[in-house]
Structures are given as C-alpha cells and as structure tokens.
C-alpha cells in the first residue's frame, strides 16, 4: 500500500496551518527579530508577510494542479525537472527537521525555564518521541489534537494582549520603526520562519478531500489569521517591553505579562506557550514525514520509508525515522541556530516553488516577487545561518549526483 486516504476538509487544513504557524512565531521568533531590527521588526513582519503571501499563492496554485504528498518536491520535479524537485525536497526535509528541533526546544524552555541544558534537551527529545507516537496512530487523531491546541493558544494570546492593554505599564521607547535596511531584512528572514507553516497544507495534498478547491481556500485563510495575530502581539510586546528588553528575553510574552497587574497569570501563559509549541511540533513532524515519504516513493531516499501502515494509513516508517532524527538533534543544537538554519533552507524551498509557479504562464507577477523575496531574505540572514545552509544544500547536491550515477548504472 503506497497511497494515502483523503480524510481532511477545509477546516482541518486551516487548523493544521494555524497549528504550524501560531506558536512557532509568537513564542520563538520575535526576540531574535527584535535583536536584528528593534522596532523595525514591524516592517520586517510586513515584508515577511508579503513574501509568505506570494509563496502561499504559488503553492496553492501548484497544489491544486498536483494534489499529491510532497509539496514543492513534486511541483519542482513536474515543472522544472527532477533535480530541482529533489533540491526542494532536500531543503524542506533538512530545514523543517531543524524547525522541529526549534519547537521541541521551545517546549522545554517553557516547561522547565530554570533547568540546565541537559535536562531541557531530554524534555525536548521526550516531546518529539511522544508526538511521533501520536502521528503513528493516524492523521485524523493528529488534526483533532491540533484543533484543541490552536484553540487554547489563541485564548492564551488574547488574554495576554488584554492584560498588556488594560493592566500594563508601557515602556518609554517609541514604536516608530528605526533600523537599517539590513536589520529589517534580517528580521523579515527570521520572522519568515514563523509563517512557513502553511506549507503543511500543501504537503498533505494527498490526504485532503477535493484538493483543487480545498487547498486554495485553506492557505490564505490560515495565513491571514496568523498575520493578524502576529501583528497585534508584536505591537503590544514592543509597547510593554520596549525593543531592547524584547530582544534579550527568551520568553517575551510571559515576561510582558509578569510586568502587569495580572502577573499571577504568568504560569498559565507559560503552559499555553509550551502547548502552542507542541502544536507546531505536531504539524511539523506531520509535514516532514510526508515529504520524506514522497521522496522515498520516487527513489531519492531509502525505499522502506515509502511504506504506508495497513491499519492507520500513515507513512509510519518515515514518521518514526524523522522523530528519531529530531530527538537526536535537540541534544546537540540550540534554538537560535535552529531558527536561522531552518529559515535559509525553507526560503530555498519556496524559491523553487515560485519558480515552478512562474512556468504556469499566467499571473506571473506574484511568483516573480516571491522568488526575488525568498532570495533576498535568505542571504540577509545571519552569516552563520547562510554558511551552514549553503553547506547542507551542497551536501544534498552531491548526494543527488552520486545517486543519479547509481541509477544510471543500474
């Protein structure tokens, strides 16, 4: 059995996108973005949203035409050639594996804020393995859990914003963006990490009912809701903490609430943040395993990873493999490095998505803007992230040529 069942509707697809985006951005990306641009992160957020919209539109058009698992791995292969599809798939798998590690480490930092690195790493690894076991039982169970997590997260964020609005003590720093262009671009690249969750909808194309209608509707809905939430939270965080404190605070929403007269609710916010990160991790593992499944089915990864469980109808071997790799990764990496590397790899993935959409010959402006935006933001990231991203992509290219010669020889 190598085909997945179409079980997901528009609401399910939107929830998966929200579960990937809300949580990743609100609880992980604002601090490094503020470090790069200060109050200019508001401009960075707008720029990241524009690039994300272009990417979402291109992905939705392509997903409607190619409604199978794999996302841009499939689109690049069909529109640009096998190599570009492979490179997109490689970028997605390695980039989103890093995202999984970032979300697992975020869970640990909120669950045990005073614990040292070894303890937090073990908590992160345990979270990854637990969610891998949940995904193994079937995608519909995962969607149900994600719905609960998204609802709780939105309630926690709404309560935090309300506390900052009516019970906070605003910082003296002005909100007028004032940052060099390079800092704004870097903040946009880092904040893009938070928007990339809508790809999960496209990578689940083979499990969505009526994908030609469902995917183009679900992507902009999920992206629009997320942008509104991010913008509101960003403004109130800057208002409450100021850009300098925001940049240096690992848990900004909890810190902002602690500075209000509603500080007693801070433990609730910490619990909500950990739950939101779990929701992101759940959807991330879901998406990476599907792309791994598609690449294995096409012979670019080991064939056993293309197996589908006869009872639960999920790519169980791909899921277990990704879970084990991420659990190992959280033991050797940190949150900041994971976000930067993930952004570079995923921007590469979306650059290929936009190039693929450009070949459709109609409405070319959006994919052209998206392609240019992805390239600019990718190379505006911190130097260490760019270097590590280029090296890992180069390893993927070498692997492609080695396996290509092997396939030709056979």
Protein backbone atom coordinates (compact mmCIF):
# COMPACT_ATOMS: atom_id res chain seq x y z
CA UNK A 1 0.00 0.00 0.00
CA UNK A 2 1.61 3.28 -1.14
CA UNK A 3 -1.38 5.65 -1.33
CA UNK A 4 -2.83 7.79 1.46
CA UNK A 5 -6.54 8.28 2.23
CA UNK A 6 -8.27 11.65 1.61
CA UNK A 7 -9.74 12.43 5.02
CA UNK A 8 -9.17 16.18 5.58
CA UNK A 9 -11.57 19.03 4.75
CA UNK A 10 -11.01 22.81 4.53
CA UNK A 11 -11.38 23.33 8.28
CA UNK A 12 -8.91 20.56 9.05
CA UNK A 13 -6.38 22.01 6.58
CA UNK A 14 -6.72 25.51 8.06
CA UNK A 15 -6.20 24.15 11.56
CA UNK A 16 -3.05 22.29 10.51
CA UNK A 17 -1.68 25.53 9.03
CA UNK A 18 -2.56 27.52 12.14
CA UNK A 19 -1.05 24.85 14.36
CA UNK A 20 2.21 25.16 12.43
CA UNK A 21 2.38 28.97 12.35
CA UNK A 22 0.81 30.17 15.59
CA UNK A 23 3.18 29.05 18.30
CA UNK A 24 6.31 28.92 16.19
CA UNK A 25 6.32 32.66 15.56
CA UNK A 26 4.69 34.11 18.65
CA UNK A 27 6.83 32.16 21.10
CA UNK A 28 10.13 31.75 19.25
CA UNK A 29 10.86 34.37 16.57
CA UNK A 30 10.12 37.83 17.99
CA UNK A 31 13.17 38.01 20.24
CA UNK A 32 15.80 37.35 17.52
CA UNK A 33 13.86 39.63 15.14
CA UNK A 34 13.97 42.45 17.71
CA UNK A 35 17.69 41.81 18.15
CA UNK A 36 18.18 42.34 14.42
CA UNK A 37 15.94 45.38 13.89
CA UNK A 38 14.49 46.70 17.16
CA UNK A 39 11.14 48.33 16.45
CA UNK A 40 11.94 47.80 12.76
CA UNK A 41 10.69 44.25 13.26
CA UNK A 42 7.23 45.63 12.46
CA UNK A 43 8.47 46.42 8.96
CA UNK A 44 10.16 43.03 8.88
CA UNK A 45 6.87 41.38 9.81
CA UNK A 46 5.09 43.15 6.95
CA UNK A 47 7.82 42.16 4.49
CA UNK A 48 7.79 38.54 5.68
CA UNK A 49 4.01 38.52 5.25
CA UNK A 50 4.28 39.77 1.65
CA UNK A 51 6.79 37.06 0.75
CA UNK A 52 4.70 34.48 2.58
CA UNK A 53 1.59 35.56 0.67
CA UNK A 54 3.40 35.16 -2.66
CA UNK A 55 4.67 31.76 -1.59
CA UNK A 56 1.24 30.73 -0.37
CA UNK A 57 -0.43 31.78 -3.61
CA UNK A 58 2.12 29.95 -5.73
CA UNK A 59 1.90 26.86 -3.52
CA UNK A 60 -1.90 26.86 -3.63
CA UNK A 61 -1.98 27.05 -7.44
CA UNK A 62 0.53 24.24 -7.74
CA UNK A 63 -1.13 22.08 -5.08
CA UNK A 64 -4.46 22.32 -6.88
CA UNK A 65 -2.81 21.06 -10.05
CA UNK A 66 -0.67 18.39 -8.35
CA UNK A 67 -2.71 17.15 -5.35
CA UNK A 68 -0.22 14.58 -4.03
CA UNK A 69 2.02 14.41 -0.98
CA UNK A 70 5.38 16.13 -1.27
CA UNK A 71 4.62 19.83 -1.87
CA UNK A 72 7.33 21.68 -3.82
CA UNK A 73 9.29 18.46 -4.17
CA UNK A 74 6.53 17.37 -6.57
CA UNK A 75 6.00 20.82 -8.14
CA UNK A 76 9.68 21.38 -8.88
CA UNK A 77 10.01 17.93 -10.38
CA UNK A 78 6.98 18.37 -12.63
CA UNK A 79 7.63 21.98 -13.71
CA UNK A 80 11.43 22.41 -13.62
CA UNK A 81 12.93 18.93 -13.70
CA UNK A 82 13.89 16.12 -11.38
CA UNK A 83 16.94 17.89 -9.89
CA UNK A 84 15.01 20.98 -8.79
CA UNK A 85 12.28 18.87 -7.26
CA UNK A 86 14.88 16.91 -5.37
CA UNK A 87 16.63 20.08 -4.15
CA UNK A 88 13.31 21.48 -2.91
CA UNK A 89 12.54 18.25 -1.09
CA UNK A 90 16.02 18.15 0.44
CA UNK A 91 15.74 21.77 1.57
CA UNK A 92 12.32 21.12 3.08
CA UNK A 93 13.33 17.97 4.94
CA UNK A 94 16.53 19.38 6.45
CA UNK A 95 15.04 22.83 7.11
CA UNK A 96 11.90 21.55 8.73
CA UNK A 97 13.82 18.97 10.70
CA UNK A 98 15.64 21.95 12.20
CA UNK A 99 12.26 23.62 12.79
CA UNK A 100 11.10 20.53 14.66
CA UNK A 101 14.16 20.80 16.87
CA UNK A 102 13.48 24.50 17.46
CA UNK A 103 9.89 23.82 18.53
CA UNK A 104 10.90 20.94 20.79
CA UNK A 105 13.49 23.16 22.49
CA UNK A 106 10.85 25.90 22.87
CA UNK A 107 8.60 23.40 24.64
CA UNK A 108 11.42 22.53 27.02
CA UNK A 109 12.34 26.16 27.72
CA UNK A 110 8.76 26.97 28.80
CA UNK A 111 8.14 23.73 30.68
CA UNK A 112 11.39 23.94 32.64
CA UNK A 113 12.69 27.56 32.37
CA UNK A 114 15.19 27.17 35.21
CA UNK A 115 16.60 23.80 34.17
CA UNK A 116 20.00 23.45 32.54
CA UNK A 117 20.76 22.38 29.01
CA UNK A 118 20.92 18.59 29.57
CA UNK A 119 17.53 18.50 31.31
CA UNK A 120 15.85 20.71 28.70
CA UNK A 121 17.32 18.64 25.87
CA UNK A 122 15.94 15.44 27.36
CA UNK A 123 12.49 17.05 27.79
CA UNK A 124 12.60 18.18 24.16
CA UNK A 125 13.54 14.69 22.96
CA UNK A 126 10.72 13.15 25.01
CA UNK A 127 8.21 15.57 23.45
CA UNK A 128 9.33 14.64 19.93
CA UNK A 129 9.03 10.92 20.58
CA UNK A 130 5.59 11.32 22.19
CA UNK A 131 4.19 13.26 19.24
CA UNK A 132 5.75 10.81 16.79
CA UNK A 133 3.78 8.07 18.54
CA UNK A 134 0.60 10.16 18.19
CA UNK A 135 1.16 10.72 14.44
CA UNK A 136 1.77 7.00 14.04
CA UNK A 137 -1.83 6.33 15.10
CA UNK A 138 -3.31 8.30 12.19
CA UNK A 139 -3.57 11.81 10.73
CA UNK A 140 -7.17 12.38 11.89
CA UNK A 141 -6.15 11.94 15.53
CA UNK A 142 -3.37 14.46 14.96
CA UNK A 143 -5.82 17.00 13.48
CA UNK A 144 -8.13 16.64 16.49
CA UNK A 145 -5.31 17.31 18.92
CA UNK A 146 -4.15 20.28 16.82
CA UNK A 147 -7.64 21.83 16.96
CA UNK A 148 -7.58 21.71 20.76
CA UNK A 149 -4.06 23.18 20.91
CA UNK A 150 -4.84 26.04 18.49
CA UNK A 151 -7.95 27.00 20.46
CA UNK A 152 -6.08 27.08 23.77
CA UNK A 153 -3.20 29.04 22.21
CA UNK A 154 -5.50 31.73 20.81
CA UNK A 155 -7.25 32.08 24.17
CA UNK A 156 -3.89 32.47 25.96
CA UNK A 157 -2.67 35.06 23.44
CA UNK A 158 -5.92 37.01 23.66
CA UNK A 159 -5.68 37.05 27.45
CA UNK A 160 -2.05 38.19 27.32
CA UNK A 161 -2.80 41.04 24.92
CA UNK A 162 -5.75 42.10 27.06
CA UNK A 163 -3.52 42.15 30.15
CA UNK A 164 -0.92 44.29 28.39
CA UNK A 165 -3.63 46.63 27.09
CA UNK A 166 -5.51 47.29 30.33
CA UNK A 167 -3.10 46.38 33.13
CA UNK A 168 0.34 47.01 31.67
CA UNK A 169 2.95 49.70 32.09
CA UNK A 170 4.15 50.71 28.60
CA UNK A 171 7.89 51.10 28.02
CA UNK A 172 9.24 54.53 27.18
CA UNK A 173 10.69 53.50 23.81
CA UNK A 174 8.74 54.76 20.75
CA UNK A 175 7.17 52.28 18.33
CA UNK A 176 8.27 54.22 15.24
CA UNK A 177 10.43 51.77 13.23
CA UNK A 178 14.03 52.97 13.08
CA UNK A 179 16.50 50.39 11.84
CA UNK A 180 18.93 49.99 8.94
CA UNK A 181 17.62 48.18 5.89
CA UNK A 182 19.87 45.21 6.55
CA UNK A 183 18.42 44.77 10.03
CA UNK A 184 14.85 44.95 8.74
CA UNK A 185 15.61 42.36 6.05
CA UNK A 186 17.27 40.08 8.59
CA UNK A 187 14.28 40.37 10.92
CA UNK A 188 12.00 39.53 7.99
CA UNK A 189 14.06 36.44 7.24
CA UNK A 190 13.85 35.32 10.87
CA UNK A 191 10.12 36.06 11.10
CA UNK A 192 9.55 34.12 7.88
CA UNK A 193 10.32 31.06 10.00
CA UNK A 194 7.03 31.75 11.75
CA UNK A 195 4.95 31.97 8.56
CA UNK A 196 6.19 28.83 6.86
CA UNK A 197 3.53 26.59 8.40
CA UNK A 198 1.10 26.95 5.51
CA UNK A 199 3.33 24.55 3.58
CA UNK A 200 1.92 21.81 5.75
CA UNK A 201 -1.38 22.19 3.91
CA UNK A 202 0.24 21.60 0.53
CA UNK A 203 2.35 18.66 1.73
CA UNK A 204 -0.85 16.98 2.89
CA UNK A 205 -2.34 17.26 -0.61
CA UNK A 206 -2.82 13.53 -0.95
CA UNK A 207 -4.86 13.40 2.28
CA UNK A 208 -7.16 16.40 1.52
CA UNK A 209 -10.64 15.97 0.07
CA UNK A 210 -11.26 17.90 -3.17
CA UNK A 211 -7.75 19.44 -3.15
CA UNK A 212 -8.37 21.72 -6.17
CA UNK A 213 -10.94 23.59 -4.07
CA UNK A 214 -9.78 22.97 -0.51
CA UNK A 215 -6.10 23.93 -0.70
CA UNK A 216 -6.51 27.36 -2.43
CA UNK A 217 -9.13 28.26 0.19
CA UNK A 218 -7.29 26.96 3.25
CA UNK A 219 -3.89 28.57 2.59
CA UNK A 220 -4.90 32.28 2.52
CA UNK A 221 -7.34 31.81 5.40
CA UNK A 222 -4.66 30.33 7.65
CA UNK A 223 -2.09 32.92 6.59
CA UNK A 224 -4.46 35.87 7.11
CA UNK A 225 -5.48 34.78 10.60
CA UNK A 226 -1.85 34.26 11.56
CA UNK A 227 -0.76 37.69 10.28
CA UNK A 228 -3.44 39.46 12.31
CA UNK A 229 -2.44 37.58 15.46
CA UNK A 230 1.27 38.30 14.93
CA UNK A 231 0.78 42.00 14.25
CA UNK A 232 -1.34 42.54 17.37
CA UNK A 233 1.02 40.60 19.62
CA UNK A 234 4.12 42.31 18.18
CA UNK A 235 2.74 45.80 18.78
CA UNK A 236 1.80 45.05 22.38
CA UNK A 237 5.10 43.32 23.13
CA UNK A 238 7.04 46.34 21.86
CA UNK A 239 4.72 48.63 23.79
CA UNK A 240 5.13 46.70 27.05
CA UNK A 241 8.79 45.63 26.93
CA UNK A 242 10.46 48.02 24.51
CA UNK A 243 12.77 46.73 21.74
CA UNK A 244 15.89 46.24 23.91
CA UNK A 245 14.21 44.09 26.53
CA UNK A 246 12.24 42.18 23.91
CA UNK A 247 15.49 41.36 22.13
CA UNK A 248 17.06 39.90 25.27
CA UNK A 249 14.06 38.00 26.66
CA UNK A 250 13.77 34.27 25.82
CA UNK A 251 10.10 34.20 26.87
CA UNK A 252 8.76 37.65 25.89
CA UNK A 253 5.03 37.06 26.31
CA UNK A 254 5.48 35.63 29.81
CA UNK A 255 7.87 38.46 30.68
CA UNK A 256 5.43 41.07 29.38
CA UNK A 257 2.58 39.61 31.42
CA UNK A 258 4.78 39.49 34.52
CA UNK A 259 5.12 43.27 34.26
CA UNK A 260 1.36 43.85 34.51
CA UNK A 261 -1.00 43.74 37.48
CA UNK A 262 -2.18 40.38 36.13
CA UNK A 263 1.20 38.77 36.81
CA UNK A 264 -0.42 35.87 38.65
CA UNK A 265 -1.46 34.51 35.25
CA UNK A 266 2.15 34.12 34.07
CA UNK A 267 2.26 30.33 34.78
CA UNK A 268 -0.85 29.95 32.61
CA UNK A 269 0.90 31.75 29.76
CA UNK A 270 3.96 29.53 30.14
CA UNK A 271 1.75 26.46 29.93
CA UNK A 272 -0.02 27.89 26.89
CA UNK A 273 3.30 28.66 25.21
CA UNK A 274 4.53 25.13 25.75
CA UNK A 275 1.26 23.76 24.37
CA UNK A 276 1.46 26.05 21.32
CA UNK A 277 4.98 24.87 20.57
CA UNK A 278 3.74 21.30 20.90
CA UNK A 279 1.06 22.08 18.31
CA UNK A 280 3.68 23.44 15.92
CA UNK A 281 5.89 20.42 16.52
CA UNK A 282 2.97 18.07 15.86
CA UNK A 283 2.20 19.65 12.48
CA UNK A 284 5.88 19.96 11.55
CA UNK A 285 6.60 16.28 12.09
CA UNK A 286 3.46 15.54 10.06
CA UNK A 287 4.66 17.62 7.08
CA UNK A 288 8.31 16.49 7.08
CA UNK A 289 7.32 12.84 7.21
CA UNK A 290 5.04 13.29 4.15
CA UNK A 291 7.81 14.85 2.06
CA UNK A 292 10.19 12.10 3.19
CA UNK A 293 7.52 9.56 2.16
CA UNK A 294 7.17 11.14 -1.29
CA UNK A 295 10.93 11.27 -1.90
CA UNK A 296 11.33 7.65 -0.82
CA UNK A 297 8.48 6.63 -3.11
CA UNK A 298 10.40 8.20 -6.01
CA UNK A 299 13.70 6.55 -5.12
CA UNK A 300 15.57 9.61 -3.74
CA UNK A 301 15.52 8.28 -0.18
CA UNK A 302 15.60 4.65 1.05
CA UNK A 303 12.62 2.71 -0.32
CA UNK A 304 11.42 1.34 3.06
CA UNK A 305 10.46 4.91 4.04
CA UNK A 306 7.67 4.80 1.41
CA UNK A 307 5.67 2.18 3.33
CA UNK A 308 2.11 3.03 4.46
CA UNK A 309 0.71 1.37 7.57
CA UNK A 310 -2.05 -1.07 6.54
CA UNK A 311 -4.28 -0.14 9.52
CA UNK A 312 -3.58 3.52 10.28
CA UNK A 313 -2.96 4.62 6.64
CA UNK A 314 0.08 6.78 7.51
CA UNK A 315 3.71 6.66 6.30
CA UNK A 316 4.77 5.11 9.60
CA UNK A 317 8.41 4.37 8.80
CA UNK A 318 9.03 7.91 7.57
CA UNK A 319 7.37 9.29 10.72
CA UNK A 320 9.44 7.14 13.06
CA UNK A 321 12.67 7.99 11.23
CA UNK A 322 12.02 11.75 11.38
CA UNK A 323 11.07 11.51 15.05
CA UNK A 324 14.28 9.70 15.96
CA UNK A 325 16.44 12.16 13.97
CA UNK A 326 14.83 15.21 15.60
CA UNK A 327 15.10 13.66 19.06
CA UNK A 328 18.82 13.21 18.46
CA UNK A 329 19.20 16.73 17.02
CA UNK A 330 17.77 18.50 20.08
CA UNK A 331 20.57 17.00 22.12
CA UNK A 332 23.25 18.85 20.14
CA UNK A 333 21.75 22.14 18.89
CA UNK A 334 20.27 25.39 20.30
CA UNK A 335 17.12 27.38 19.50
CA UNK A 336 18.73 30.40 17.82
CA UNK A 337 20.84 28.35 15.43
CA UNK A 338 17.92 26.09 14.55
CA UNK A 339 15.71 29.05 13.56
CA UNK A 340 18.34 30.66 11.30
CA UNK A 341 19.26 27.44 9.52
CA UNK A 342 15.62 26.47 9.08
CA UNK A 343 14.77 29.85 7.53
CA UNK A 344 17.55 29.59 4.94
CA UNK A 345 16.62 26.06 3.87
CA UNK A 346 12.88 26.77 3.73
CA UNK A 347 13.38 30.01 1.77
CA UNK A 348 15.27 27.91 -0.78
CA UNK A 349 12.32 25.53 -0.90
CA UNK A 350 9.90 28.39 -1.59
CA UNK A 351 12.18 29.97 -4.17
CA UNK A 352 11.79 26.75 -6.16
CA UNK A 353 8.02 26.80 -5.54
CA UNK A 354 7.76 30.30 -7.01
CA UNK A 355 9.96 29.38 -9.97
CA UNK A 356 7.67 26.40 -10.59
CA UNK A 357 4.54 28.58 -10.42
CA UNK A 358 6.13 31.06 -12.85
CA UNK A 359 6.16 28.31 -15.51
CA UNK A 360 2.35 28.11 -15.37
CA UNK A 361 2.46 31.18 -17.70
CA UNK A 362 -0.48 33.02 -16.11
CA UNK A 363 -0.35 35.55 -13.25
CA UNK A 364 3.45 35.63 -13.21
CA UNK A 365 3.89 38.77 -11.08
CA UNK A 366 3.22 37.04 -7.77
CA UNK A 367 5.69 34.16 -8.27
CA UNK A 368 8.32 36.61 -9.59
CA UNK A 369 8.00 38.78 -6.48
CA UNK A 370 8.02 35.69 -4.28
CA UNK A 371 11.16 34.29 -5.92
CA UNK A 372 13.05 37.57 -5.55
CA UNK A 373 11.86 37.96 -1.96
CA UNK A 374 13.00 34.46 -0.98
CA UNK A 375 16.49 35.01 -2.39
CA UNK A 376 16.91 38.42 -0.72
CA UNK A 377 15.67 37.25 2.68
CA UNK A 378 17.75 34.05 2.59
CA UNK A 379 21.01 35.94 2.09
CA UNK A 380 20.04 38.62 4.63
CA UNK A 381 20.08 36.07 7.47
CA UNK A 382 22.98 35.89 9.95
CA UNK A 383 26.21 34.80 8.28
CA UNK A 384 26.43 31.57 10.26
CA UNK A 385 22.96 30.56 9.10
CA UNK A 386 23.79 31.32 5.46
CA UNK A 387 27.05 29.35 5.58
CA UNK A 388 25.52 26.31 7.28
CA UNK A 389 22.56 26.42 4.89
CA UNK A 390 24.77 26.54 1.79
CA UNK A 391 26.91 23.67 3.09
CA UNK A 392 23.95 21.41 3.81
CA UNK A 393 22.33 22.17 0.45
CA UNK A 394 25.67 21.42 -1.22
CA UNK A 395 25.74 18.04 0.53
CA UNK A 396 22.31 17.38 -0.93
CA UNK A 397 23.50 18.30 -4.42
CA UNK A 398 26.47 15.92 -4.14
CA UNK A 399 24.14 13.16 -2.96
CA UNK A 400 21.90 13.80 -5.98
CA UNK A 401 24.72 13.35 -8.46
CA UNK A 402 26.02 10.26 -6.69
CA UNK A 403 22.60 8.59 -6.64
CA UNK A 404 21.92 9.70 -10.22
CA UNK A 405 25.03 7.88 -11.43
CA UNK A 406 23.97 4.85 -9.43
CA UNK A 407 20.51 4.86 -11.00
CA UNK A 408 22.01 5.35 -14.47
CA UNK A 409 24.40 2.45 -13.89
CA UNK A 410 21.52 0.23 -12.89
